[in-house]
PDB file of all heavy atoms in Angstrom:
ATOM      1  N   LYS A   1     -25.541 -73.859 -70.833  1.00  0.00           N
ATOM      2  CA  LYS A   1     -26.517 -73.093 -71.614  1.00  0.00           C
ATOM      3  C   LYS A   1     -27.823 -73.035 -70.786  1.00  0.00           C
ATOM      4  O   LYS A   1     -28.541 -72.005 -70.779  1.00  0.00           O
ATOM      5  CB  LYS A   1     -26.776 -73.795 -72.950  1.00  0.00           C
ATOM      6  CG  LYS A   1     -25.683 -73.495 -73.988  1.00  0.00           C
ATOM      7  CD  LYS A   1     -26.049 -74.235 -75.261  1.00  0.00           C
ATOM      8  CE  LYS A   1     -25.006 -73.893 -76.364  1.00  0.00           C
ATOM      9  NZ  LYS A   1     -25.225 -72.529 -76.896  1.00  0.00           N
ATOM     10  N   SER A   2     -28.219 -74.079 -70.160  1.00  0.00           N
ATOM     11  CA  SER A   2     -29.431 -74.072 -69.325  1.00  0.00           C
ATOM     12  C   SER A   2     -29.351 -73.018 -68.213  1.00  0.00           C
ATOM     13  O   SER A   2     -30.316 -72.346 -67.960  1.00  0.00           O
ATOM     14  CB  SER A   2     -29.637 -75.470 -68.678  1.00  0.00           C
ATOM     15  OG  SER A   2     -29.713 -76.525 -69.698  1.00  0.00           O
ATOM     16  N   ALA A   3     -28.190 -72.987 -67.588  1.00  0.00           N
ATOM     17  CA  ALA A   3     -27.972 -71.950 -66.525  1.00  0.00           C
ATOM     18  C   ALA A   3     -28.125 -70.547 -67.093  1.00  0.00           C
ATOM     19  O   ALA A   3     -28.782 -69.701 -66.462  1.00  0.00           O
ATOM     20  CB  ALA A   3     -26.588 -72.133 -65.925  1.00  0.00           C
ATOM     21  N   ARG A   4     -27.571 -70.300 -68.262  1.00  0.00           N
ATOM     22  CA  ARG A   4     -27.715 -68.985 -68.860  1.00  0.00           C
ATOM     23  C   ARG A   4     -29.116 -68.639 -69.252  1.00  0.00           C
ATOM     24  O   ARG A   4     -29.621 -67.536 -69.014  1.00  0.00           O
ATOM     25  CB  ARG A   4     -26.781 -68.863 -70.081  1.00  0.00           C
ATOM     26  CG  ARG A   4     -26.823 -67.494 -70.818  1.00  0.00           C
ATOM     27  CD  ARG A   4     -25.934 -67.507 -72.017  1.00  0.00           C
ATOM     28  NE  ARG A   4     -26.131 -68.619 -72.897  1.00  0.00           N
ATOM     29  CZ  ARG A   4     -27.158 -68.669 -73.768  1.00  0.00           C
ATOM     30  NH1 ARG A   4     -28.083 -67.727 -73.784  1.00  0.00           N
ATOM     31  NH2 ARG A   4     -27.295 -69.743 -74.547  1.00  0.00           N
ATOM     32  N   SER A   5     -29.870 -69.624 -69.850  1.00  0.00           N
ATOM     33  CA  SER A   5     -31.198 -69.383 -70.337  1.00  0.00           C
ATOM     34  C   SER A   5     -32.159 -69.297 -69.178  1.00  0.00           C
ATOM     35  O   SER A   5     -33.158 -68.539 -69.276  1.00  0.00           O
ATOM     36  CB  SER A   5     -31.631 -70.504 -71.292  1.00  0.00           C
ATOM     37  OG  SER A   5     -30.869 -70.418 -72.497  1.00  0.00           O
ATOM     38  N   LEU A   6     -31.927 -70.013 -68.058  1.00  0.00           N
ATOM     39  CA  LEU A   6     -32.841 -69.915 -66.932  1.00  0.00           C
ATOM     40  C   LEU A   6     -32.517 -68.603 -66.169  1.00  0.00           C
ATOM     41  O   LEU A   6     -33.422 -68.000 -65.594  1.00  0.00           O
ATOM     42  CB  LEU A   6     -32.655 -71.080 -65.959  1.00  0.00           C
ATOM     43  CG  LEU A   6     -33.245 -72.426 -66.515  1.00  0.00           C
ATOM     44  CD1 LEU A   6     -32.777 -73.538 -65.579  1.00  0.00           C
ATOM     45  CD2 LEU A   6     -34.789 -72.349 -66.512  1.00  0.00           C
ATOM     46  N   GLY A   7     -31.247 -68.206 -66.214  1.00  0.00           N
ATOM     47  CA  GLY A   7     -30.858 -66.968 -65.478  1.00  0.00           C
ATOM     48  C   GLY A   7     -30.712 -67.141 -64.031  1.00  0.00           C
ATOM     49  O   GLY A   7     -29.656 -67.009 -63.437  1.00  0.00           O
ATOM     50  N   LEU A   8     -31.842 -67.388 -63.397  1.00  0.00           N
ATOM     51  CA  LEU A   8     -31.864 -67.695 -61.938  1.00  0.00           C
ATOM     52  C   LEU A   8     -32.511 -69.035 -61.832  1.00  0.00           C
ATOM     53  O   LEU A   8     -33.555 -69.334 -62.459  1.00  0.00           O
ATOM     54  CB  LEU A   8     -32.729 -66.627 -61.173  1.00  0.00           C
ATOM     55  CG  LEU A   8     -32.750 -66.980 -59.650  1.00  0.00           C
ATOM     56  CD1 LEU A   8     -32.467 -65.752 -58.873  1.00  0.00           C
ATOM     57  CD2 LEU A   8     -33.995 -67.648 -59.249  1.00  0.00           C
ATOM     58  N   PHE A   9     -31.882 -69.897 -60.905  1.00  0.00           N
ATOM     59  CA  PHE A   9     -32.400 -71.294 -60.869  1.00  0.00           C
ATOM     60  C   PHE A   9     -31.991 -71.980 -59.631  1.00  0.00           C
ATOM     61  O   PHE A   9     -30.953 -71.624 -58.948  1.00  0.00           O
ATOM     62  CB  PHE A   9     -31.835 -72.118 -62.069  1.00  0.00           C
ATOM     63  CG  PHE A   9     -30.350 -72.123 -62.115  1.00  0.00           C
ATOM     64  CD1 PHE A   9     -29.607 -73.172 -61.608  1.00  0.00           C
ATOM     65  CD2 PHE A   9     -29.640 -71.128 -62.837  1.00  0.00           C
ATOM     66  CE1 PHE A   9     -28.259 -73.204 -61.675  1.00  0.00           C
ATOM     67  CE2 PHE A   9     -28.250 -71.189 -62.904  1.00  0.00           C
ATOM     68  CZ  PHE A   9     -27.550 -72.185 -62.310  1.00  0.00           C
ATOM     69  N   ARG A  10     -32.771 -72.915 -59.141  1.00  0.00           N
ATOM     70  CA  ARG A  10     -32.367 -73.917 -58.186  1.00  0.00           C
ATOM     71  C   ARG A  10     -31.578 -74.995 -58.959  1.00  0.00           C
ATOM     72  O   ARG A  10     -31.869 -75.292 -60.123  1.00  0.00           O
ATOM     73  CB  ARG A  10     -33.595 -74.538 -57.528  1.00  0.00           C
ATOM     74  CG  ARG A  10     -34.442 -73.513 -56.742  1.00  0.00           C
ATOM     75  CD  ARG A  10     -35.620 -74.158 -56.064  1.00  0.00           C
ATOM     76  NE  ARG A  10     -35.171 -74.891 -54.862  1.00  0.00           N
ATOM     77  CZ  ARG A  10     -36.020 -75.414 -54.009  1.00  0.00           C
ATOM     78  NH1 ARG A  10     -37.353 -75.373 -54.270  1.00  0.00           N
ATOM     79  NH2 ARG A  10     -35.667 -76.048 -52.939  1.00  0.00           N
ATOM     80  N   ALA A  11     -30.645 -75.589 -58.289  1.00  0.00           N
ATOM     81  CA  ALA A  11     -29.703 -76.530 -58.971  1.00  0.00           C
ATOM     82  C   ALA A  11     -30.497 -77.688 -59.600  1.00  0.00           C
ATOM     83  O   ALA A  11     -30.189 -78.083 -60.772  1.00  0.00           O
ATOM     84  CB  ALA A  11     -28.723 -77.100 -57.962  1.00  0.00           C
ATOM     85  N   GLU A  12     -31.570 -78.173 -58.944  1.00  0.00           N
ATOM     86  CA  GLU A  12     -32.288 -79.294 -59.489  1.00  0.00           C
ATOM     87  C   GLU A  12     -33.120 -79.005 -60.685  1.00  0.00           C
ATOM     88  O   GLU A  12     -33.697 -79.893 -61.345  1.00  0.00           O
ATOM     89  CB  GLU A  12     -33.176 -79.979 -58.368  1.00  0.00           C
ATOM     90  CG  GLU A  12     -34.156 -78.992 -57.765  1.00  0.00           C
ATOM     91  CD  GLU A  12     -33.691 -78.327 -56.483  1.00  0.00           C
ATOM     92  OE1 GLU A  12     -32.477 -78.099 -56.420  1.00  0.00           O
ATOM     93  OE2 GLU A  12     -34.498 -78.029 -55.587  1.00  0.00           O
ATOM     94  N   TRP A  13     -33.259 -77.696 -61.053  1.00  0.00           N
ATOM     95  CA  TRP A  13     -34.037 -77.321 -62.297  1.00  0.00           C
ATOM     96  C   TRP A  13     -33.215 -77.472 -63.545  1.00  0.00           C
ATOM     97  O   TRP A  13     -33.729 -77.536 -64.637  1.00  0.00           O
ATOM     98  CB  TRP A  13     -34.419 -75.852 -62.209  1.00  0.00           C
ATOM     99  CG  TRP A  13     -35.426 -75.570 -61.104  1.00  0.00           C
ATOM    100  CD1 TRP A  13     -36.099 -76.406 -60.335  1.00  0.00           C
ATOM    101  CD2 TRP A  13     -35.792 -74.209 -60.738  1.00  0.00           C
ATOM    102  NE1 TRP A  13     -36.888 -75.746 -59.446  1.00  0.00           N
ATOM    103  CE2 TRP A  13     -36.742 -74.354 -59.633  1.00  0.00           C
ATOM    104  CE3 TRP A  13     -35.420 -72.914 -61.082  1.00  0.00           C
ATOM    105  CZ2 TRP A  13     -37.297 -73.300 -58.942  1.00  0.00           C
ATOM    106  CZ3 TRP A  13     -36.032 -71.833 -60.407  1.00  0.00           C
ATOM    107  CH2 TRP A  13     -36.921 -72.028 -59.381  1.00  0.00           C
ATOM    108  N   LEU A  14     -31.856 -77.571 -63.439  1.00  0.00           N
ATOM    109  CA  LEU A  14     -31.027 -77.465 -64.618  1.00  0.00           C
ATOM    110  C   LEU A  14     -31.281 -78.642 -65.644  1.00  0.00           C
ATOM    111  O   LEU A  14     -31.319 -78.470 -66.841  1.00  0.00           O
ATOM    112  CB  LEU A  14     -29.578 -77.455 -64.219  1.00  0.00           C
ATOM    113  CG  LEU A  14     -28.895 -76.125 -63.853  1.00  0.00           C
ATOM    114  CD1 LEU A  14     -27.429 -76.273 -63.595  1.00  0.00           C
ATOM    115  CD2 LEU A  14     -29.059 -75.145 -65.016  1.00  0.00           C
ATOM    116  N   ALA A  15     -31.205 -79.826 -65.113  1.00  0.00           N
ATOM    117  CA  ALA A  15     -31.221 -81.043 -65.989  1.00  0.00           C
ATOM    118  C   ALA A  15     -32.400 -81.138 -66.929  1.00  0.00           C
ATOM    119  O   ALA A  15     -32.244 -81.647 -68.073  1.00  0.00           O
ATOM    120  CB  ALA A  15     -31.121 -82.281 -65.189  1.00  0.00           C
ATOM    121  N   ASP A  16     -33.596 -80.687 -66.542  1.00  0.00           N
ATOM    122  CA  ASP A  16     -34.848 -80.848 -67.317  1.00  0.00           C
ATOM    123  C   ASP A  16     -34.746 -80.006 -68.606  1.00  0.00           C
ATOM    124  O   ASP A  16     -35.406 -80.403 -69.524  1.00  0.00           O
ATOM    125  CB  ASP A  16     -36.019 -80.414 -66.527  1.00  0.00           C
ATOM    126  CG  ASP A  16     -37.247 -80.537 -67.315  1.00  0.00           C
ATOM    127  OD1 ASP A  16     -37.760 -81.637 -67.582  1.00  0.00           O
ATOM    128  OD2 ASP A  16     -37.812 -79.411 -67.786  1.00  0.00           O
ATOM    129  N   TYR A  17     -33.979 -78.922 -68.585  1.00  0.00           N
ATOM    130  CA  TYR A  17     -33.976 -78.016 -69.773  1.00  0.00           C
ATOM    131  C   TYR A  17     -33.652 -78.788 -71.029  1.00  0.00           C
ATOM    132  O   TYR A  17     -34.367 -78.576 -72.101  1.00  0.00           O
ATOM    133  CB  TYR A  17     -33.051 -76.850 -69.528  1.00  0.00           C
ATOM    134  CG  TYR A  17     -33.455 -75.600 -70.208  1.00  0.00           C
ATOM    135  CD1 TYR A  17     -34.409 -74.771 -69.639  1.00  0.00           C
ATOM    136  CD2 TYR A  17     -32.913 -75.209 -71.406  1.00  0.00           C
ATOM    137  CE1 TYR A  17     -34.831 -73.580 -70.254  1.00  0.00           C
ATOM    138  CE2 TYR A  17     -33.256 -74.015 -71.991  1.00  0.00           C
ATOM    139  CZ  TYR A  17     -34.229 -73.195 -71.428  1.00  0.00           C
ATOM    140  OH  TYR A  17     -34.655 -72.043 -72.088  1.00  0.00           O
ATOM    141  N   TYR A  18     -32.658 -79.613 -71.022  1.00  0.00           N
ATOM    142  CA  TYR A  18     -32.308 -80.458 -72.168  1.00  0.00           C
ATOM    143  C   TYR A  18     -32.644 -81.906 -71.971  1.00  0.00           C
ATOM    144  O   TYR A  18     -32.136 -82.800 -72.682  1.00  0.00           O
ATOM    145  CB  TYR A  18     -30.808 -80.344 -72.502  1.00  0.00           C
ATOM    146  CG  TYR A  18     -30.364 -79.128 -73.178  1.00  0.00           C
ATOM    147  CD1 TYR A  18     -29.898 -77.997 -72.524  1.00  0.00           C
ATOM    148  CD2 TYR A  18     -30.324 -79.069 -74.584  1.00  0.00           C
ATOM    149  CE1 TYR A  18     -29.481 -76.854 -73.168  1.00  0.00           C
ATOM    150  CE2 TYR A  18     -29.947 -77.953 -75.283  1.00  0.00           C
ATOM    151  CZ  TYR A  18     -29.484 -76.802 -74.598  1.00  0.00           C
ATOM    152  OH  TYR A  18     -29.060 -75.702 -75.218  1.00  0.00           O
ATOM    153  N   ARG A  19     -33.502 -82.181 -70.968  1.00  0.00           N
ATOM    154  CA  ARG A  19     -33.960 -83.528 -70.697  1.00  0.00           C
ATOM    155  C   ARG A  19     -32.722 -84.466 -70.350  1.00  0.00           C
ATOM    156  O   ARG A  19     -32.624 -85.618 -70.914  1.00  0.00           O
ATOM    157  CB  ARG A  19     -34.715 -84.192 -71.813  1.00  0.00           C
ATOM    158  CG  ARG A  19     -36.123 -83.600 -71.922  1.00  0.00           C
ATOM    159  CD  ARG A  19     -37.049 -84.185 -70.850  1.00  0.00           C
ATOM    160  NE  ARG A  19     -38.450 -84.001 -71.243  1.00  0.00           N
ATOM    161  CZ  ARG A  19     -39.249 -83.069 -70.786  1.00  0.00           C
ATOM    162  NH1 ARG A  19     -38.766 -82.127 -69.983  1.00  0.00           N
ATOM    163  NH2 ARG A  19     -40.509 -83.001 -71.165  1.00  0.00           N
ATOM    164  N   LEU A  20     -31.843 -84.016 -69.510  1.00  0.00           N
ATOM    165  CA  LEU A  20     -30.616 -84.797 -69.096  1.00  0.00           C
ATOM    166  C   LEU A  20     -30.965 -85.503 -67.836  1.00  0.00           C
ATOM    167  O   LEU A  20     -31.812 -85.094 -67.011  1.00  0.00           O
ATOM    168  CB  LEU A  20     -29.469 -83.884 -68.962  1.00  0.00           C
ATOM    169  CG  LEU A  20     -29.052 -83.033 -70.160  1.00  0.00           C
ATOM    170  CD1 LEU A  20     -27.908 -82.096 -69.792  1.00  0.00           C
ATOM    171  CD2 LEU A  20     -28.600 -83.936 -71.310  1.00  0.00           C
ATOM    172  N   ARG A  21     -30.227 -86.567 -67.579  1.00  0.00           N
ATOM    173  CA  ARG A  21     -30.327 -87.246 -66.267  1.00  0.00           C
ATOM    174  C   ARG A  21     -29.659 -86.244 -65.277  1.00  0.00           C
ATOM    175  O   ARG A  21     -28.815 -85.473 -65.603  1.00  0.00           O
ATOM    176  CB  ARG A  21     -29.495 -88.576 -66.319  1.00  0.00           C
ATOM    177  CG  ARG A  21     -30.199 -89.618 -67.050  1.00  0.00           C
ATOM    178  CD  ARG A  21     -29.510 -90.901 -67.050  1.00  0.00           C
ATOM    179  NE  ARG A  21     -30.200 -91.944 -67.791  1.00  0.00           N
ATOM    180  CZ  ARG A  21     -29.748 -93.160 -67.977  1.00  0.00           C
ATOM    181  NH1 ARG A  21     -28.544 -93.501 -67.570  1.00  0.00           N
ATOM    182  NH2 ARG A  21     -30.455 -94.034 -68.734  1.00  0.00           N
ATOM    183  N   GLN A  22     -30.153 -86.362 -64.065  1.00  0.00           N
ATOM    184  CA  GLN A  22     -29.586 -85.453 -62.963  1.00  0.00           C
ATOM    185  C   GLN A  22     -28.089 -85.623 -62.827  1.00  0.00           C
ATOM    186  O   GLN A  22     -27.683 -86.813 -62.528  1.00  0.00           O
ATOM    187  CB  GLN A  22     -30.448 -85.728 -61.661  1.00  0.00           C
ATOM    188  CG  GLN A  22     -30.255 -84.577 -60.647  1.00  0.00           C
ATOM    189  CD  GLN A  22     -30.879 -83.290 -61.097  1.00  0.00           C
ATOM    190  OE1 GLN A  22     -30.170 -82.367 -61.544  1.00  0.00           O
ATOM    191  NE2 GLN A  22     -32.185 -83.169 -60.922  1.00  0.00           N
ATOM    192  N   PRO A  23     -27.356 -84.590 -62.970  1.00  0.00           N
ATOM    193  CA  PRO A  23     -25.921 -84.824 -62.839  1.00  0.00           C
ATOM    194  C   PRO A  23     -25.454 -84.765 -61.400  1.00  0.00           C
ATOM    195  O   PRO A  23     -26.290 -84.486 -60.491  1.00  0.00           O
ATOM    196  CB  PRO A  23     -25.322 -83.554 -63.545  1.00  0.00           C
ATOM    197  CG  PRO A  23     -26.376 -82.503 -63.367  1.00  0.00           C
ATOM    198  CD  PRO A  23     -27.676 -83.257 -63.325  1.00  0.00           C
ATOM    199  N   ALA A  24     -24.218 -85.011 -61.148  1.00  0.00           N
ATOM    200  CA  ALA A  24     -23.680 -84.828 -59.738  1.00  0.00           C
ATOM    201  C   ALA A  24     -23.606 -83.351 -59.522  1.00  0.00           C
ATOM    202  O   ALA A  24     -22.693 -82.644 -59.931  1.00  0.00           O
ATOM    203  CB  ALA A  24     -22.296 -85.455 -59.678  1.00  0.00           C
ATOM    204  N   LEU A  25     -24.598 -82.795 -58.858  1.00  0.00           N
ATOM    205  CA  LEU A  25     -24.777 -81.336 -58.722  1.00  0.00           C
ATOM    206  C   LEU A  25     -23.672 -80.644 -58.032  1.00  0.00           C
ATOM    207  O   LEU A  25     -23.185 -79.593 -58.525  1.00  0.00           O
ATOM    208  CB  LEU A  25     -26.143 -81.004 -58.018  1.00  0.00           C
ATOM    209  CG  LEU A  25     -27.397 -81.331 -58.891  1.00  0.00           C
ATOM    210  CD1 LEU A  25     -28.664 -81.214 -58.067  1.00  0.00           C
ATOM    211  CD2 LEU A  25     -27.429 -80.471 -60.137  1.00  0.00           C
ATOM    212  N   PRO A  26     -23.067 -81.138 -56.873  1.00  0.00           N
ATOM    213  CA  PRO A  26     -22.057 -80.397 -56.285  1.00  0.00           C
ATOM    214  C   PRO A  26     -20.804 -80.202 -57.228  1.00  0.00           C
ATOM    215  O   PRO A  26     -20.244 -79.039 -57.284  1.00  0.00           O
ATOM    216  CB  PRO A  26     -21.639 -81.272 -55.121  1.00  0.00           C
ATOM    217  CG  PRO A  26     -22.893 -82.057 -54.784  1.00  0.00           C
ATOM    218  CD  PRO A  26     -23.484 -82.335 -56.111  1.00  0.00           C
ATOM    219  N   LEU A  27     -20.454 -81.184 -57.933  1.00  0.00           N
ATOM    220  CA  LEU A  27     -19.348 -81.115 -58.871  1.00  0.00           C
ATOM    221  C   LEU A  27     -19.713 -80.137 -60.066  1.00  0.00           C
ATOM    222  O   LEU A  27     -18.866 -79.315 -60.466  1.00  0.00           O
ATOM    223  CB  LEU A  27     -18.924 -82.451 -59.465  1.00  0.00           C
ATOM    224  CG  LEU A  27     -18.323 -83.461 -58.485  1.00  0.00           C
ATOM    225  CD1 LEU A  27     -18.184 -84.836 -59.142  1.00  0.00           C
ATOM    226  CD2 LEU A  27     -16.967 -82.956 -58.033  1.00  0.00           C
ATOM    227  N   LEU A  28     -20.903 -80.201 -60.571  1.00  0.00           N
ATOM    228  CA  LEU A  28     -21.353 -79.361 -61.641  1.00  0.00           C
ATOM    229  C   LEU A  28     -21.305 -77.906 -61.207  1.00  0.00           C
ATOM    230  O   LEU A  28     -20.775 -77.019 -61.879  1.00  0.00           O
ATOM    231  CB  LEU A  28     -22.741 -79.738 -62.131  1.00  0.00           C
ATOM    232  CG  LEU A  28     -23.351 -78.741 -63.055  1.00  0.00           C
ATOM    233  CD1 LEU A  28     -22.685 -78.720 -64.384  1.00  0.00           C
ATOM    234  CD2 LEU A  28     -24.840 -79.080 -63.284  1.00  0.00           C
ATOM    235  N   LEU A  29     -21.885 -77.627 -60.056  1.00  0.00           N
ATOM    236  CA  LEU A  29     -21.964 -76.194 -59.576  1.00  0.00           C
ATOM    237  C   LEU A  29     -20.609 -75.652 -59.287  1.00  0.00           C
ATOM    238  O   LEU A  29     -20.360 -74.461 -59.609  1.00  0.00           O
ATOM    239  CB  LEU A  29     -22.857 -76.194 -58.348  1.00  0.00           C
ATOM    240  CG  LEU A  29     -24.315 -76.576 -58.588  1.00  0.00           C
ATOM    241  CD1 LEU A  29     -25.034 -76.762 -57.267  1.00  0.00           C
ATOM    242  CD2 LEU A  29     -25.040 -75.596 -59.423  1.00  0.00           C
ATOM    243  N   GLU A  30     -19.716 -76.495 -58.772  1.00  0.00           N
ATOM    244  CA  GLU A  30     -18.339 -76.020 -58.489  1.00  0.00           C
ATOM    245  C   GLU A  30     -17.646 -75.650 -59.794  1.00  0.00           C
ATOM    246  O   GLU A  30     -16.942 -74.603 -59.941  1.00  0.00           O
ATOM    247  CB  GLU A  30     -17.594 -77.165 -57.751  1.00  0.00           C
ATOM    248  CG  GLU A  30     -16.137 -76.779 -57.370  1.00  0.00           C
ATOM    249  CD  GLU A  30     -15.476 -77.883 -56.664  1.00  0.00           C
ATOM    250  OE1 GLU A  30     -16.123 -78.876 -56.300  1.00  0.00           O
ATOM    251  OE2 GLU A  30     -14.180 -77.783 -56.477  1.00  0.00           O
ATOM    252  N   ARG A  31     -17.849 -76.525 -60.823  1.00  0.00           N
ATOM    253  CA  ARG A  31     -17.143 -76.213 -62.131  1.00  0.00           C
ATOM    254  C   ARG A  31     -17.788 -75.024 -62.766  1.00  0.00           C
ATOM    255  O   ARG A  31     -17.001 -74.156 -63.337  1.00  0.00           O
ATOM    256  CB  ARG A  31     -17.352 -77.451 -63.013  1.00  0.00           C
ATOM    257  CG  ARG A  31     -16.629 -77.268 -64.361  1.00  0.00           C
ATOM    258  CD  ARG A  31     -16.660 -78.536 -65.212  1.00  0.00           C
ATOM    259  NE  ARG A  31     -16.155 -78.207 -66.536  1.00  0.00           N
ATOM    260  CZ  ARG A  31     -16.270 -79.119 -67.520  1.00  0.00           C
ATOM    261  NH1 ARG A  31     -16.742 -80.360 -67.356  1.00  0.00           N
ATOM    262  NH2 ARG A  31     -15.833 -78.777 -68.721  1.00  0.00           N
ATOM    263  N   LEU A  32     -19.123 -74.851 -62.733  1.00  0.00           N
ATOM    264  CA  LEU A  32     -19.748 -73.631 -63.326  1.00  0.00           C
ATOM    265  C   LEU A  32     -19.291 -72.339 -62.628  1.00  0.00           C
ATOM    266  O   LEU A  32     -19.145 -71.341 -63.227  1.00  0.00           O
ATOM    267  CB  LEU A  32     -21.268 -73.737 -63.273  1.00  0.00           C
ATOM    268  CG  LEU A  32     -21.883 -74.805 -64.237  1.00  0.00           C
ATOM    269  CD1 LEU A  32     -23.379 -74.913 -63.989  1.00  0.00           C
ATOM    270  CD2 LEU A  32     -21.663 -74.388 -65.702  1.00  0.00           C
ATOM    271  N   GLN A  33     -19.061 -72.467 -61.292  1.00  0.00           N
ATOM    272  CA  GLN A  33     -18.517 -71.318 -60.553  1.00  0.00           C
ATOM    273  C   GLN A  33     -17.057 -71.059 -60.983  1.00  0.00           C
ATOM    274  O   GLN A  33     -16.710 -69.869 -61.221  1.00  0.00           O
ATOM    275  CB  GLN A  33     -18.551 -71.593 -59.032  1.00  0.00           C
ATOM    276  CG  GLN A  33     -19.917 -71.454 -58.451  1.00  0.00           C
ATOM    277  CD  GLN A  33     -19.815 -71.582 -56.924  1.00  0.00           C
ATOM    278  OE1 GLN A  33     -19.635 -70.614 -56.209  1.00  0.00           O
ATOM    279  NE2 GLN A  33     -19.985 -72.774 -56.460  1.00  0.00           N
ATOM    280  N   GLU A  34     -16.268 -72.047 -61.093  1.00  0.00           N
ATOM    281  CA  GLU A  34     -14.833 -71.887 -61.512  1.00  0.00           C
ATOM    282  C   GLU A  34     -14.745 -71.284 -62.903  1.00  0.00           C
ATOM    283  O   GLU A  34     -13.858 -70.492 -63.164  1.00  0.00           O
ATOM    284  CB  GLU A  34     -14.120 -73.238 -61.487  1.00  0.00           C
ATOM    285  CG  GLU A  34     -13.851 -73.743 -60.027  1.00  0.00           C
ATOM    286  CD  GLU A  34     -13.326 -75.123 -60.024  1.00  0.00           C
ATOM    287  OE1 GLU A  34     -13.277 -75.703 -61.130  1.00  0.00           O
ATOM    288  OE2 GLU A  34     -12.911 -75.613 -58.985  1.00  0.00           O
ATOM    289  N   GLU A  35     -15.720 -71.589 -63.761  1.00  0.00           N
ATOM    290  CA  GLU A  35     -15.721 -71.058 -65.042  1.00  0.00           C
ATOM    291  C   GLU A  35     -16.251 -69.665 -65.165  1.00  0.00           C
ATOM    292  O   GLU A  35     -16.265 -69.015 -66.226  1.00  0.00           O
ATOM    293  CB  GLU A  35     -16.549 -71.996 -66.017  1.00  0.00           C
ATOM    294  CG  GLU A  35     -15.950 -73.343 -66.269  1.00  0.00           C
ATOM    295  CD  GLU A  35     -16.865 -74.330 -66.924  1.00  0.00           C
ATOM    296  OE1 GLU A  35     -18.140 -74.046 -66.981  1.00  0.00           O
ATOM    297  OE2 GLU A  35     -16.417 -75.365 -67.367  1.00  0.00           O
ATOM    298  N   GLY A  36     -16.727 -69.147 -64.000  1.00  0.00           N
ATOM    299  CA  GLY A  36     -17.264 -67.800 -63.920  1.00  0.00           C
ATOM    300  C   GLY A  36     -18.645 -67.654 -64.504  1.00  0.00           C
ATOM    301  O   GLY A  36     -19.054 -66.540 -64.850  1.00  0.00           O
TER     302      GLY A  36
END
């Protein structure tokens, strides 16, 4: 949801949107790409 609401983003911007701890970004980005 953060990715959709930001629209365009650097990977390190994602976690702050819902105040989450920084995730494992390579794995997250790979999964978000696979999900289209």
